[in-house]
Each structure stands twice: as structure tokens, then as C-alpha cells.
């Protein structure tokens, strides 16, 4: 997906910003707001995989020698 969209660096920045905002918003959740907690956890988990995968692929393609891994 990231190759079709392009600008992988900005995708990583966007996903990390969303994750950070949602983790901060989790501080507003209480025992009376379980739906808010559930939605925020879902958004965080959806944003975690793309940011990690794009970063790993960028690092792997940037290595000169695969023995450095």
C-alpha cells in the first residue's frame, strides 16, 4: 500500500502522530467510557502495523550488505 501512495516517510510520521494522539486521549478514558477506550485501542492497533512495516522495509532496502542485519 505504501508504494502506491508514496512518500513513505510522511506516512510513518502520520501514523505515529495518530498513535501519539490516541495514547494521549486514552488518559481521558474512565470506567464509565468503555466504548471510547475500545475505539482508541482499535485505532492505535490499526496504526501500529503500517508504521512498523514501512520502517522495517525502508531499513532493509537501505542496507548495503545484508550481513549487517
C-alpha atoms as a PDB file:
ATOM      1  CA  UNK A   1       0.000   0.000   0.000  1.00  0.00           C
ATOM      2  CA  UNK A   2       2.731   2.472   0.874  1.00  0.00           C
ATOM      3  CA  UNK A   3       4.346   2.140  -2.558  1.00  0.00           C
ATOM      4  CA  UNK A   4       1.056   3.075  -4.246  1.00  0.00           C
ATOM      5  CA  UNK A   5       0.569   6.109  -2.021  1.00  0.00           C
ATOM      6  CA  UNK A   6       4.240   7.129  -1.999  1.00  0.00           C
ATOM      7  CA  UNK A   7       6.099   9.397   0.427  1.00  0.00           C
ATOM      8  CA  UNK A   8       6.760   6.635   2.951  1.00  0.00           C
ATOM      9  CA  UNK A   9       8.463   8.972   5.413  1.00  0.00           C
ATOM     10  CA  UNK A  10       5.321  11.098   5.728  1.00  0.00           C
ATOM     11  CA  UNK A  11       3.185   8.004   6.136  1.00  0.00           C
ATOM     12  CA  UNK A  12       5.311   6.975   9.107  1.00  0.00           C
ATOM     13  CA  UNK A  13       5.043  10.470  10.591  1.00  0.00           C
ATOM     14  CA  UNK A  14       1.261  10.473  10.113  1.00  0.00           C
ATOM     15  CA  UNK A  15       0.755   7.065  11.726  1.00  0.00           C
ATOM     16  CA  UNK A  16       2.991   7.972  14.661  1.00  0.00           C
ATOM     17  CA  UNK A  17       1.123  11.242  15.196  1.00  0.00           C
ATOM     18  CA  UNK A  18      -2.210   9.414  15.214  1.00  0.00           C
ATOM     19  CA  UNK A  19      -0.837   6.824  17.633  1.00  0.00           C
ATOM     20  CA  UNK A  20       0.514   9.500  19.957  1.00  0.00           C
ATOM     21  CA  UNK A  21      -2.743  11.443  19.911  1.00  0.00           C
ATOM     22  CA  UNK A  22      -4.776   8.312  20.659  1.00  0.00           C
ATOM     23  CA  UNK A  23      -2.494   7.256  23.501  1.00  0.00           C
ATOM     24  CA  UNK A  24      -2.882  10.758  24.960  1.00  0.00           C
ATOM     25  CA  UNK A  25      -6.655  10.540  24.517  1.00  0.00           C
ATOM     26  CA  UNK A  26      -6.632   7.253  26.446  1.00  0.00           C
ATOM     27  CA  UNK A  27      -5.869   9.358  29.528  1.00  0.00           C
ATOM     28  CA  UNK A  28      -9.408  10.736  29.304  1.00  0.00           C
ATOM     29  CA  UNK A  29     -10.993   7.273  29.408  1.00  0.00           C
ATOM     30  CA  UNK A  30     -12.608   6.131  32.621  1.00  0.00           C
ATOM     31  CA  UNK A  31     -14.515   3.095  33.777  1.00  0.00           C
ATOM     32  CA  UNK A  32     -17.702   4.793  32.578  1.00  0.00           C
ATOM     33  CA  UNK A  33     -16.400   5.199  28.983  1.00  0.00           C
ATOM     34  CA  UNK A  34     -15.517   1.708  27.731  1.00  0.00           C
ATOM     35  CA  UNK A  35     -16.555   2.468  24.144  1.00  0.00           C
ATOM     36  CA  UNK A  36     -14.066   5.331  23.936  1.00  0.00           C
ATOM     37  CA  UNK A  37     -11.309   3.056  25.195  1.00  0.00           C
ATOM     38  CA  UNK A  38     -12.237   0.329  22.724  1.00  0.00           C
ATOM     39  CA  UNK A  39     -12.261   2.703  19.747  1.00  0.00           C
ATOM     40  CA  UNK A  40      -8.953   4.295  20.713  1.00  0.00           C
ATOM     41  CA  UNK A  41      -7.282   0.907  21.163  1.00  0.00           C
ATOM     42  CA  UNK A  42      -8.570  -0.156  17.734  1.00  0.00           C
ATOM     43  CA  UNK A  43      -7.175   2.991  16.101  1.00  0.00           C
ATOM     44  CA  UNK A  44      -3.835   2.532  17.858  1.00  0.00           C
ATOM     45  CA  UNK A  45      -3.571  -1.082  16.758  1.00  0.00           C
ATOM     46  CA  UNK A  46      -4.503  -0.226  13.164  1.00  0.00           C
ATOM     47  CA  UNK A  47      -1.777   2.447  13.038  1.00  0.00           C
ATOM     48  CA  UNK A  48       0.921   0.300  14.636  1.00  0.00           C
ATOM     49  CA  UNK A  49       1.385  -2.262  11.871  1.00  0.00           C
ATOM     50  CA  UNK A  50       1.828   0.135   8.923  1.00  0.00           C
ATOM     51  CA  UNK A  51       4.319   2.350  10.736  1.00  0.00           C
ATOM     52  CA  UNK A  52       6.442  -0.633  11.785  1.00  0.00           C
ATOM     53  CA  UNK A  53       6.279  -2.413   8.435  1.00  0.00           C
ATOM     54  CA  UNK A  54       7.133   0.646   6.367  1.00  0.00           C
ATOM     55  CA  UNK A  55      10.065   1.425   8.681  1.00  0.00           C
ATOM     56  CA  UNK A  56      11.421  -2.127   8.501  1.00  0.00           C
ATOM     57  CA  UNK A  57      11.173  -2.211   4.700  1.00  0.00           C
ATOM     58  CA  UNK A  58      12.890   1.171   4.389  1.00  0.00           C
ATOM     59  CA  UNK A  59      15.747  -0.028   6.609  1.00  0.00           C
ATOM     60  CA  UNK A  60      16.129  -3.309   4.720  1.00  0.00           C
ATOM     61  CA  UNK A  61      16.271  -1.590   1.321  1.00  0.00           C
ATOM     62  CA  UNK A  62      18.744   0.946   2.644  1.00  0.00           C
ATOM     63  CA  UNK A  63      21.310  -1.626   3.751  1.00  0.00           C
ATOM     64  CA  UNK A  64      24.303  -2.143   1.512  1.00  0.00           C
ATOM     65  CA  UNK A  65      25.234  -5.527   2.970  1.00  0.00           C
ATOM     66  CA  UNK A  66      22.561  -7.922   4.234  1.00  0.00           C
ATOM     67  CA  UNK A  67      25.039  -9.266   6.825  1.00  0.00           C
ATOM     68  CA  UNK A  68      24.524  -6.038   8.785  1.00  0.00           C
ATOM     69  CA  UNK A  69      21.096  -7.242   9.864  1.00  0.00           C
END
